[in-house]
Amino acid sequence: MLGTFPPAPKRWCMEWYYPNFTNDMWRIIGLCFFGDKNHFVIPEKKTYKLDELKSFLAEKGIAIFDTCLRIRRTTGTASDKDLEVVEKADLDGMLRALPECRAVLAAGRLATSIFTEHYHIDAKKMKMGEYREFSFEGRTLRLYREPSSSRAYPMKTEKKAEYYKEMFRDVFS
């Protein structure tokens, strides 16, 4: 799973991926695998069950990283449209380190754009929930375009989860 870059630390409720409590990623994962958007949520503390999340993702073989290592926030918001990419992640190195990887999920427009540009994937007409196959060092992988988990993205958490659930069903079958 590839996102873009975390929000400013002042917005974090934990020190890990998707650390903003208002971000829907961990609710989406809860809905997809447990039918419960609060499965990984600790509502009274406004945080997540980090150890459970890490164990679950490791058990499922789901890796997480960002497409950007360094960015500049042009307006102080966490929105991708307000990010200037200073340094992209080593996507080739990431895929080499994950020889069992069969699919990449790009969460949001900018993560998808960075990935498709790097691998020369034609994604001009790629709709939400669709995938494109691409080759990397003799392997054929899929890139899935999924909705942003940010609450700023105008889609209900349950609808976002439907897209992700279909992708997970496809990847794990």
N, C-alpha and C. Protein backbone atom coordinates (compact mmCIF):
# COMPACT_ATOMS: atom_id res chain seq x y z
N MET A 1 0.86 -1.17 0.00
CA MET A 1 0.00 0.00 0.00
C MET A 1 0.90 1.22 0.00
N LEU A 2 0.68 2.10 -0.95
CA LEU A 2 1.47 3.31 -1.05
C LEU A 2 0.60 4.55 -0.90
N GLY A 3 0.99 5.39 0.03
CA GLY A 3 0.36 6.70 0.16
C GLY A 3 1.35 7.73 -0.33
N THR A 4 1.11 8.97 0.01
CA THR A 4 1.99 10.03 -0.45
C THR A 4 3.00 10.40 0.63
N PHE A 5 2.50 10.96 1.73
CA PHE A 5 3.36 11.45 2.79
C PHE A 5 2.47 11.75 3.99
N PRO A 6 2.95 11.53 5.21
CA PRO A 6 2.10 11.79 6.38
C PRO A 6 1.86 13.29 6.59
N PRO A 7 0.81 13.60 7.36
CA PRO A 7 0.57 15.00 7.69
C PRO A 7 1.64 15.50 8.66
N ALA A 8 1.58 16.77 8.98
CA ALA A 8 2.52 17.35 9.95
C ALA A 8 2.37 16.62 11.29
N PRO A 9 3.46 16.42 12.03
CA PRO A 9 3.40 15.69 13.30
C PRO A 9 2.36 16.20 14.30
N LYS A 10 2.01 17.46 14.25
CA LYS A 10 1.02 17.98 15.19
C LYS A 10 -0.35 17.31 15.00
N ARG A 11 -0.56 16.66 13.86
CA ARG A 11 -1.83 15.99 13.57
C ARG A 11 -1.81 14.50 13.92
N TRP A 12 -0.67 14.00 14.38
CA TRP A 12 -0.52 12.57 14.62
C TRP A 12 -1.15 12.12 15.94
N CYS A 13 -1.72 10.93 15.93
CA CYS A 13 -2.18 10.30 17.16
C CYS A 13 -1.30 9.09 17.47
N MET A 14 -0.39 8.76 16.56
CA MET A 14 0.56 7.66 16.74
C MET A 14 1.72 7.88 15.78
N GLU A 15 2.82 7.22 16.03
CA GLU A 15 3.99 7.35 15.16
C GLU A 15 4.06 6.15 14.23
N TRP A 16 3.26 6.21 13.18
CA TRP A 16 3.25 5.16 12.16
C TRP A 16 2.48 5.67 10.96
N TYR A 17 2.22 4.83 10.01
CA TYR A 17 1.52 5.23 8.78
C TYR A 17 0.07 5.61 9.07
N TYR A 18 -0.43 6.55 8.30
CA TYR A 18 -1.78 7.07 8.46
C TYR A 18 -2.04 7.43 9.92
N PRO A 19 -1.22 8.35 10.45
CA PRO A 19 -1.27 8.66 11.88
C PRO A 19 -2.34 9.65 12.31
N ASN A 20 -3.01 10.28 11.35
CA ASN A 20 -4.04 11.26 11.70
C ASN A 20 -5.32 10.51 12.08
N PHE A 21 -5.86 10.78 13.27
CA PHE A 21 -7.04 10.06 13.72
C PHE A 21 -8.24 10.27 12.80
N THR A 22 -8.28 11.38 12.09
CA THR A 22 -9.41 11.61 11.19
C THR A 22 -9.23 10.92 9.84
N ASN A 23 -8.06 10.35 9.57
CA ASN A 23 -7.86 9.61 8.33
C ASN A 23 -8.61 8.28 8.43
N ASP A 24 -9.17 7.83 7.33
CA ASP A 24 -10.02 6.64 7.34
C ASP A 24 -9.31 5.33 7.03
N MET A 25 -8.00 5.32 6.78
CA MET A 25 -7.35 4.09 6.33
C MET A 25 -7.60 2.92 7.28
N TRP A 26 -7.41 3.11 8.56
CA TRP A 26 -7.53 1.97 9.48
C TRP A 26 -8.99 1.59 9.71
N ARG A 27 -9.91 2.52 9.48
CA ARG A 27 -11.33 2.19 9.49
C ARG A 27 -11.69 1.37 8.24
N ILE A 28 -11.10 1.76 7.10
CA ILE A 28 -11.32 1.02 5.86
C ILE A 28 -10.83 -0.42 6.02
N ILE A 29 -9.65 -0.60 6.57
CA ILE A 29 -9.10 -1.94 6.78
C ILE A 29 -10.00 -2.74 7.72
N GLY A 30 -10.49 -2.10 8.78
CA GLY A 30 -11.41 -2.76 9.70
C GLY A 30 -12.68 -3.22 9.00
N LEU A 31 -13.23 -2.37 8.14
CA LEU A 31 -14.43 -2.74 7.38
C LEU A 31 -14.15 -3.88 6.41
N CYS A 32 -13.04 -3.80 5.71
CA CYS A 32 -12.71 -4.81 4.70
C CYS A 32 -12.55 -6.21 5.29
N PHE A 33 -11.87 -6.31 6.40
CA PHE A 33 -11.52 -7.63 6.93
C PHE A 33 -12.37 -8.09 8.11
N PHE A 34 -13.01 -7.15 8.80
CA PHE A 34 -13.77 -7.52 10.00
C PHE A 34 -15.21 -7.01 9.98
N GLY A 35 -15.57 -6.25 8.94
CA GLY A 35 -16.92 -5.71 8.87
C GLY A 35 -17.21 -4.68 9.95
N ASP A 36 -16.14 -4.10 10.51
CA ASP A 36 -16.28 -3.17 11.63
C ASP A 36 -15.27 -2.04 11.47
N LYS A 37 -15.77 -0.83 11.20
CA LYS A 37 -14.84 0.27 10.97
C LYS A 37 -14.09 0.69 12.23
N ASN A 38 -14.54 0.25 13.38
CA ASN A 38 -13.84 0.59 14.64
C ASN A 38 -12.98 -0.55 15.16
N HIS A 39 -12.75 -1.57 14.34
CA HIS A 39 -11.99 -2.74 14.78
C HIS A 39 -10.60 -2.36 15.31
N PHE A 40 -9.93 -1.43 14.66
CA PHE A 40 -8.59 -1.02 15.07
C PHE A 40 -8.58 0.33 15.79
N VAL A 41 -9.74 0.84 16.14
CA VAL A 41 -9.87 2.18 16.73
C VAL A 41 -10.01 2.10 18.25
N ILE A 42 -9.35 3.03 18.93
CA ILE A 42 -9.55 3.22 20.36
C ILE A 42 -10.21 4.60 20.49
N PRO A 43 -11.56 4.65 20.39
CA PRO A 43 -12.25 5.93 20.30
C PRO A 43 -12.01 6.87 21.49
N GLU A 44 -12.01 6.32 22.69
CA GLU A 44 -11.85 7.18 23.87
C GLU A 44 -10.48 7.84 23.94
N LYS A 45 -9.49 7.25 23.30
CA LYS A 45 -8.13 7.83 23.28
C LYS A 45 -7.84 8.52 21.95
N LYS A 46 -8.78 8.42 21.01
CA LYS A 46 -8.62 8.99 19.67
C LYS A 46 -7.30 8.54 19.04
N THR A 47 -7.12 7.22 19.03
CA THR A 47 -5.95 6.62 18.42
C THR A 47 -6.32 5.23 17.91
N TYR A 48 -5.30 4.49 17.50
CA TYR A 48 -5.51 3.17 16.91
C TYR A 48 -4.76 2.10 17.69
N LYS A 49 -5.17 0.87 17.51
CA LYS A 49 -4.52 -0.29 18.13
C LYS A 49 -3.31 -0.66 17.28
N LEU A 50 -2.23 0.06 17.48
CA LEU A 50 -1.06 -0.03 16.61
C LEU A 50 -0.45 -1.43 16.59
N ASP A 51 -0.27 -2.06 17.75
CA ASP A 51 0.33 -3.40 17.76
C ASP A 51 -0.54 -4.40 17.00
N GLU A 52 -1.86 -4.29 17.19
CA GLU A 52 -2.78 -5.18 16.45
C GLU A 52 -2.71 -4.92 14.95
N LEU A 53 -2.65 -3.65 14.58
CA LEU A 53 -2.54 -3.29 13.16
C LEU A 53 -1.29 -3.90 12.54
N LYS A 54 -0.16 -3.70 13.20
CA LYS A 54 1.11 -4.21 12.67
C LYS A 54 1.08 -5.72 12.53
N SER A 55 0.57 -6.41 13.55
CA SER A 55 0.49 -7.87 13.50
C SER A 55 -0.42 -8.34 12.39
N PHE A 56 -1.58 -7.69 12.27
CA PHE A 56 -2.54 -8.08 11.25
C PHE A 56 -1.95 -7.89 9.85
N LEU A 57 -1.37 -6.74 9.59
CA LEU A 57 -0.82 -6.46 8.26
C LEU A 57 0.32 -7.42 7.93
N ALA A 58 1.16 -7.73 8.92
CA ALA A 58 2.26 -8.69 8.70
C ALA A 58 1.70 -10.07 8.38
N GLU A 59 0.67 -10.47 9.12
CA GLU A 59 0.04 -11.77 8.90
C GLU A 59 -0.54 -11.86 7.49
N LYS A 60 -1.12 -10.79 7.00
CA LYS A 60 -1.73 -10.76 5.67
C LYS A 60 -0.71 -10.53 4.55
N GLY A 61 0.49 -10.10 4.92
CA GLY A 61 1.50 -9.81 3.90
C GLY A 61 1.27 -8.47 3.23
N ILE A 62 0.74 -7.51 3.99
CA ILE A 62 0.48 -6.18 3.46
C ILE A 62 1.58 -5.23 3.94
N ALA A 63 2.34 -4.69 3.00
CA ALA A 63 3.41 -3.75 3.32
C ALA A 63 2.90 -2.33 3.06
N ILE A 64 3.48 -1.37 3.78
CA ILE A 64 3.06 0.03 3.64
C ILE A 64 4.30 0.89 3.48
N PHE A 65 4.18 1.88 2.60
CA PHE A 65 5.26 2.85 2.44
C PHE A 65 4.69 4.11 1.82
N ASP A 66 5.51 5.13 1.71
CA ASP A 66 5.12 6.39 1.09
C ASP A 66 5.83 6.54 -0.24
N THR A 67 5.20 7.23 -1.17
CA THR A 67 5.83 7.48 -2.47
C THR A 67 6.81 8.65 -2.40
N CYS A 68 6.74 9.42 -1.33
CA CYS A 68 7.63 10.57 -1.16
C CYS A 68 8.42 10.44 0.14
N LEU A 69 9.71 10.73 0.06
CA LEU A 69 10.55 10.73 1.26
C LEU A 69 10.65 12.12 1.86
N ARG A 70 10.64 13.12 0.98
CA ARG A 70 10.68 14.52 1.45
C ARG A 70 9.74 15.35 0.59
N ILE A 71 9.00 16.21 1.26
CA ILE A 71 8.07 17.10 0.56
C ILE A 71 8.17 18.49 1.17
N ARG A 72 7.55 19.44 0.52
CA ARG A 72 7.40 20.78 1.07
C ARG A 72 5.92 21.08 1.04
N ARG A 73 5.39 21.49 2.16
CA ARG A 73 3.97 21.85 2.24
C ARG A 73 3.86 23.31 1.81
N THR A 74 3.14 23.55 0.73
CA THR A 74 3.08 24.90 0.17
C THR A 74 2.09 25.80 0.91
N THR A 75 1.12 25.19 1.61
CA THR A 75 0.13 26.02 2.33
C THR A 75 -0.03 25.61 3.79
N GLY A 76 0.68 24.59 4.23
CA GLY A 76 0.55 24.15 5.62
C GLY A 76 -0.51 23.08 5.83
N THR A 77 -1.23 22.70 4.77
CA THR A 77 -2.24 21.65 4.91
C THR A 77 -1.61 20.29 4.57
N ALA A 78 -2.34 19.23 4.85
CA ALA A 78 -1.88 17.88 4.53
C ALA A 78 -2.35 17.42 3.15
N SER A 79 -3.10 18.25 2.48
CA SER A 79 -3.66 17.89 1.18
C SER A 79 -2.57 17.65 0.14
N ASP A 80 -2.74 16.58 -0.64
CA ASP A 80 -1.77 16.27 -1.70
C ASP A 80 -1.62 17.42 -2.69
N LYS A 81 -2.70 18.16 -2.94
CA LYS A 81 -2.62 19.25 -3.91
C LYS A 81 -1.71 20.38 -3.41
N ASP A 82 -1.45 20.39 -2.10
CA ASP A 82 -0.59 21.42 -1.51
C ASP A 82 0.81 20.91 -1.18
N LEU A 83 1.19 19.77 -1.78
CA LEU A 83 2.52 19.20 -1.54
C LEU A 83 3.41 19.42 -2.76
N GLU A 84 4.62 19.82 -2.50
CA GLU A 84 5.64 19.86 -3.54
C GLU A 84 6.60 18.72 -3.24
N VAL A 85 6.77 17.82 -4.16
CA VAL A 85 7.64 16.66 -3.96
C VAL A 85 9.10 17.11 -4.08
N VAL A 86 9.87 16.88 -3.02
CA VAL A 86 11.29 17.22 -3.01
C VAL A 86 12.12 15.97 -3.33
N GLU A 87 11.72 14.83 -2.74
CA GLU A 87 12.44 13.57 -2.98
C GLU A 87 11.44 12.42 -3.00
N LYS A 88 11.44 11.69 -4.10
CA LYS A 88 10.56 10.53 -4.22
C LYS A 88 11.22 9.32 -3.58
N ALA A 89 10.40 8.37 -3.18
CA ALA A 89 10.90 7.11 -2.63
C ALA A 89 11.54 6.28 -3.73
N ASP A 90 12.40 5.36 -3.33
CA ASP A 90 13.05 4.43 -4.26
C ASP A 90 12.08 3.28 -4.53
N LEU A 91 11.20 3.47 -5.48
CA LEU A 91 10.17 2.47 -5.78
C LEU A 91 10.78 1.17 -6.30
N ASP A 92 11.83 1.26 -7.10
CA ASP A 92 12.48 0.06 -7.59
C ASP A 92 13.07 -0.73 -6.42
N GLY A 93 13.74 -0.03 -5.51
CA GLY A 93 14.31 -0.69 -4.33
C GLY A 93 13.23 -1.34 -3.48
N MET A 94 12.10 -0.67 -3.37
CA MET A 94 10.99 -1.22 -2.60
C MET A 94 10.52 -2.54 -3.22
N LEU A 95 10.29 -2.55 -4.54
CA LEU A 95 9.83 -3.78 -5.19
C LEU A 95 10.88 -4.88 -5.15
N ARG A 96 12.14 -4.51 -5.24
CA ARG A 96 13.20 -5.52 -5.12
C ARG A 96 13.21 -6.14 -3.73
N ALA A 97 12.93 -5.34 -2.73
CA ALA A 97 12.91 -5.82 -1.33
C ALA A 97 11.68 -6.68 -1.04
N LEU A 98 10.70 -6.66 -1.95
CA LEU A 98 9.45 -7.42 -1.76
C LEU A 98 9.27 -8.39 -2.94
N PRO A 99 10.10 -9.44 -3.02
CA PRO A 99 10.04 -10.33 -4.18
C PRO A 99 8.72 -11.09 -4.32
N GLU A 100 7.94 -11.19 -3.25
CA GLU A 100 6.65 -11.88 -3.30
C GLU A 100 5.50 -10.94 -3.67
N CYS A 101 5.80 -9.65 -3.80
CA CYS A 101 4.76 -8.66 -4.08
C CYS A 101 4.12 -8.94 -5.44
N ARG A 102 2.78 -8.97 -5.44
CA ARG A 102 2.02 -9.21 -6.67
C ARG A 102 1.22 -8.00 -7.10
N ALA A 103 0.99 -7.09 -6.14
CA ALA A 103 0.14 -5.94 -6.44
C ALA A 103 0.54 -4.75 -5.57
N VAL A 104 0.30 -3.57 -6.11
CA VAL A 104 0.55 -2.32 -5.40
C VAL A 104 -0.76 -1.55 -5.37
N LEU A 105 -1.11 -1.05 -4.21
CA LEU A 105 -2.29 -0.22 -4.04
C LEU A 105 -1.79 1.21 -3.90
N ALA A 106 -2.22 2.08 -4.76
CA ALA A 106 -1.89 3.50 -4.65
C ALA A 106 -3.11 4.20 -4.08
N ALA A 107 -2.96 4.76 -2.90
CA ALA A 107 -4.08 5.41 -2.20
C ALA A 107 -4.07 6.91 -2.53
N GLY A 108 -4.89 7.29 -3.46
CA GLY A 108 -5.00 8.70 -3.80
C GLY A 108 -4.36 9.06 -5.13
N ARG A 109 -4.69 10.24 -5.60
CA ARG A 109 -4.27 10.72 -6.92
C ARG A 109 -2.76 10.92 -7.03
N LEU A 110 -2.13 11.58 -6.06
CA LEU A 110 -0.71 11.87 -6.18
C LEU A 110 0.14 10.60 -6.09
N ALA A 111 -0.19 9.70 -5.17
CA ALA A 111 0.54 8.44 -5.08
C ALA A 111 0.42 7.66 -6.39
N THR A 112 -0.77 7.65 -6.96
CA THR A 112 -0.99 6.96 -8.23
C THR A 112 -0.16 7.62 -9.33
N SER A 113 -0.17 8.94 -9.37
CA SER A 113 0.56 9.68 -10.39
C SER A 113 2.07 9.42 -10.31
N ILE A 114 2.62 9.46 -9.11
CA ILE A 114 4.06 9.22 -8.92
C ILE A 114 4.42 7.82 -9.39
N PHE A 115 3.61 6.85 -9.01
CA PHE A 115 3.90 5.46 -9.36
C PHE A 115 3.76 5.22 -10.86
N THR A 116 2.67 5.69 -11.45
CA THR A 116 2.46 5.45 -12.89
C THR A 116 3.49 6.17 -13.74
N GLU A 117 3.89 7.34 -13.31
CA GLU A 117 4.92 8.09 -14.04
C GLU A 117 6.24 7.33 -14.00
N HIS A 118 6.61 6.83 -12.84
CA HIS A 118 7.88 6.12 -12.69
C HIS A 118 7.93 4.85 -13.54
N TYR A 119 6.83 4.12 -13.59
CA TYR A 119 6.80 2.85 -14.32
C TYR A 119 6.18 2.96 -15.71
N HIS A 120 5.94 4.18 -16.16
CA HIS A 120 5.40 4.42 -17.50
C HIS A 120 4.12 3.62 -17.73
N ILE A 121 3.24 3.67 -16.75
CA ILE A 121 1.95 2.99 -16.84
C ILE A 121 0.93 3.99 -17.37
N ASP A 122 0.23 3.61 -18.41
CA ASP A 122 -0.80 4.49 -18.97
C ASP A 122 -2.03 4.43 -18.06
N ALA A 123 -2.23 5.47 -17.31
CA ALA A 123 -3.34 5.49 -16.36
C ALA A 123 -4.31 6.63 -16.64
N LYS A 124 -4.23 7.19 -17.84
CA LYS A 124 -5.08 8.35 -18.17
C LYS A 124 -6.56 8.06 -17.97
N LYS A 125 -6.99 6.89 -18.36
CA LYS A 125 -8.41 6.55 -18.24
C LYS A 125 -8.65 5.53 -17.12
N MET A 126 -7.71 5.43 -16.21
CA MET A 126 -7.83 4.47 -15.11
C MET A 126 -8.82 5.00 -14.07
N LYS A 127 -9.90 4.25 -13.89
CA LYS A 127 -10.93 4.67 -12.95
C LYS A 127 -10.65 4.13 -11.56
N MET A 128 -11.29 4.72 -10.59
CA MET A 128 -11.18 4.28 -9.22
C MET A 128 -11.51 2.79 -9.13
N GLY A 129 -10.67 2.04 -8.45
CA GLY A 129 -10.90 0.62 -8.28
C GLY A 129 -10.33 -0.25 -9.39
N GLU A 130 -9.85 0.36 -10.45
CA GLU A 130 -9.28 -0.42 -11.55
C GLU A 130 -7.80 -0.68 -11.31
N TYR A 131 -7.26 -1.60 -12.10
CA TYR A 131 -5.83 -1.87 -12.02
C TYR A 131 -5.24 -1.90 -13.41
N ARG A 132 -3.93 -1.73 -13.45
CA ARG A 132 -3.15 -1.88 -14.68
C ARG A 132 -2.00 -2.82 -14.35
N GLU A 133 -1.74 -3.73 -15.27
CA GLU A 133 -0.59 -4.60 -15.11
C GLU A 133 0.65 -3.89 -15.62
N PHE A 134 1.77 -4.17 -14.97
CA PHE A 134 3.04 -3.62 -15.41
C PHE A 134 4.14 -4.63 -15.11
N SER A 135 5.25 -4.48 -15.80
CA SER A 135 6.37 -5.40 -15.62
C SER A 135 7.48 -4.72 -14.85
N PHE A 136 8.10 -5.50 -13.99
CA PHE A 136 9.25 -5.02 -13.24
C PHE A 136 10.23 -6.18 -13.08
N GLU A 137 11.35 -6.06 -13.74
CA GLU A 137 12.44 -7.04 -13.65
C GLU A 137 11.93 -8.47 -13.78
N GLY A 138 11.15 -8.72 -14.83
CA GLY A 138 10.68 -10.06 -15.14
C GLY A 138 9.42 -10.48 -14.40
N ARG A 139 8.89 -9.63 -13.54
CA ARG A 139 7.65 -9.94 -12.83
C ARG A 139 6.52 -9.12 -13.42
N THR A 140 5.33 -9.69 -13.43
CA THR A 140 4.14 -8.93 -13.81
C THR A 140 3.37 -8.64 -12.54
N LEU A 141 3.15 -7.35 -12.28
CA LEU A 141 2.44 -6.91 -11.08
C LEU A 141 1.23 -6.10 -11.51
N ARG A 142 0.39 -5.82 -10.54
CA ARG A 142 -0.77 -4.97 -10.78
C ARG A 142 -0.67 -3.72 -9.91
N LEU A 143 -1.06 -2.61 -10.50
CA LEU A 143 -1.21 -1.37 -9.76
C LEU A 143 -2.70 -1.09 -9.65
N TYR A 144 -3.20 -0.98 -8.44
CA TYR A 144 -4.61 -0.65 -8.19
C TYR A 144 -4.71 0.81 -7.79
N ARG A 145 -5.65 1.50 -8.38
CA ARG A 145 -5.94 2.88 -8.00
C ARG A 145 -7.14 2.87 -7.06
N GLU A 146 -6.91 3.32 -5.84
CA GLU A 146 -7.96 3.32 -4.83
C GLU A 146 -8.19 4.73 -4.32
N PRO A 147 -9.36 4.97 -3.71
CA PRO A 147 -9.64 6.32 -3.22
C PRO A 147 -8.73 6.71 -2.07
N SER A 148 -8.49 7.98 -1.96
CA SER A 148 -7.72 8.50 -0.83
C SER A 148 -8.48 8.19 0.45
N SER A 149 -7.73 7.89 1.50
CA SER A 149 -8.36 7.62 2.80
C SER A 149 -8.56 8.90 3.60
N SER A 150 -8.14 10.01 3.04
CA SER A 150 -8.32 11.29 3.72
C SER A 150 -9.79 11.66 3.80
N ARG A 151 -10.19 12.25 4.91
CA ARG A 151 -11.57 12.71 5.04
C ARG A 151 -11.84 13.88 4.08
N ALA A 152 -10.79 14.50 3.60
CA ALA A 152 -10.96 15.59 2.64
C ALA A 152 -11.47 15.05 1.31
N TYR A 153 -11.24 13.77 1.05
CA TYR A 153 -11.74 13.16 -0.18
C TYR A 153 -13.23 12.91 0.01
N PRO A 154 -14.07 13.46 -0.85
CA PRO A 154 -15.52 13.46 -0.63
C PRO A 154 -16.21 12.13 -0.95
N MET A 155 -15.96 11.13 -0.11
CA MET A 155 -16.61 9.83 -0.27
C MET A 155 -16.74 9.22 1.12
N LYS A 156 -17.86 8.61 1.40
CA LYS A 156 -18.07 7.99 2.71
C LYS A 156 -17.08 6.85 2.92
N THR A 157 -16.70 6.66 4.17
CA THR A 157 -15.75 5.61 4.53
C THR A 157 -16.23 4.25 4.02
N GLU A 158 -17.49 3.96 4.17
CA GLU A 158 -18.04 2.67 3.74
C GLU A 158 -17.92 2.48 2.23
N LYS A 159 -18.09 3.54 1.47
CA LYS A 159 -17.95 3.46 0.01
C LYS A 159 -16.48 3.24 -0.37
N LYS A 160 -15.58 3.96 0.30
CA LYS A 160 -14.15 3.75 0.06
C LYS A 160 -13.80 2.29 0.33
N ALA A 161 -14.32 1.76 1.45
CA ALA A 161 -14.02 0.39 1.84
C ALA A 161 -14.49 -0.62 0.78
N GLU A 162 -15.58 -0.32 0.10
CA GLU A 162 -16.06 -1.22 -0.96
C GLU A 162 -14.99 -1.37 -2.06
N TYR A 163 -14.37 -0.27 -2.44
CA TYR A 163 -13.31 -0.33 -3.45
C TYR A 163 -12.13 -1.18 -2.95
N TYR A 164 -11.70 -0.89 -1.73
CA TYR A 164 -10.56 -1.61 -1.16
C TYR A 164 -10.88 -3.10 -0.99
N LYS A 165 -12.08 -3.40 -0.54
CA LYS A 165 -12.47 -4.79 -0.29
C LYS A 165 -12.42 -5.60 -1.58
N GLU A 166 -12.90 -5.01 -2.67
CA GLU A 166 -12.85 -5.68 -3.97
C GLU A 166 -11.40 -5.95 -4.38
N MET A 167 -10.55 -4.98 -4.17
CA MET A 167 -9.14 -5.15 -4.52
C MET A 167 -8.50 -6.24 -3.65
N PHE A 168 -8.74 -6.22 -2.35
CA PHE A 168 -8.17 -7.24 -1.47
C PHE A 168 -8.70 -8.64 -1.85
N ARG A 169 -9.97 -8.73 -2.18
CA ARG A 169 -10.56 -10.00 -2.61
C ARG A 169 -9.82 -10.51 -3.85
N ASP A 170 -9.56 -9.61 -4.78
CA ASP A 170 -8.87 -9.96 -6.02
C ASP A 170 -7.42 -10.41 -5.74
N VAL A 171 -6.73 -9.66 -4.93
CA VAL A 171 -5.32 -9.93 -4.65
C VAL A 171 -5.13 -11.21 -3.84
N PHE A 172 -6.01 -11.45 -2.88
CA PHE A 172 -5.85 -12.61 -1.99
C PHE A 172 -6.53 -13.87 -2.51
N SER A 173 -7.15 -13.82 -3.69
CA SER A 173 -7.82 -15.03 -4.19
C SER A 173 -6.85 -15.94 -4.92
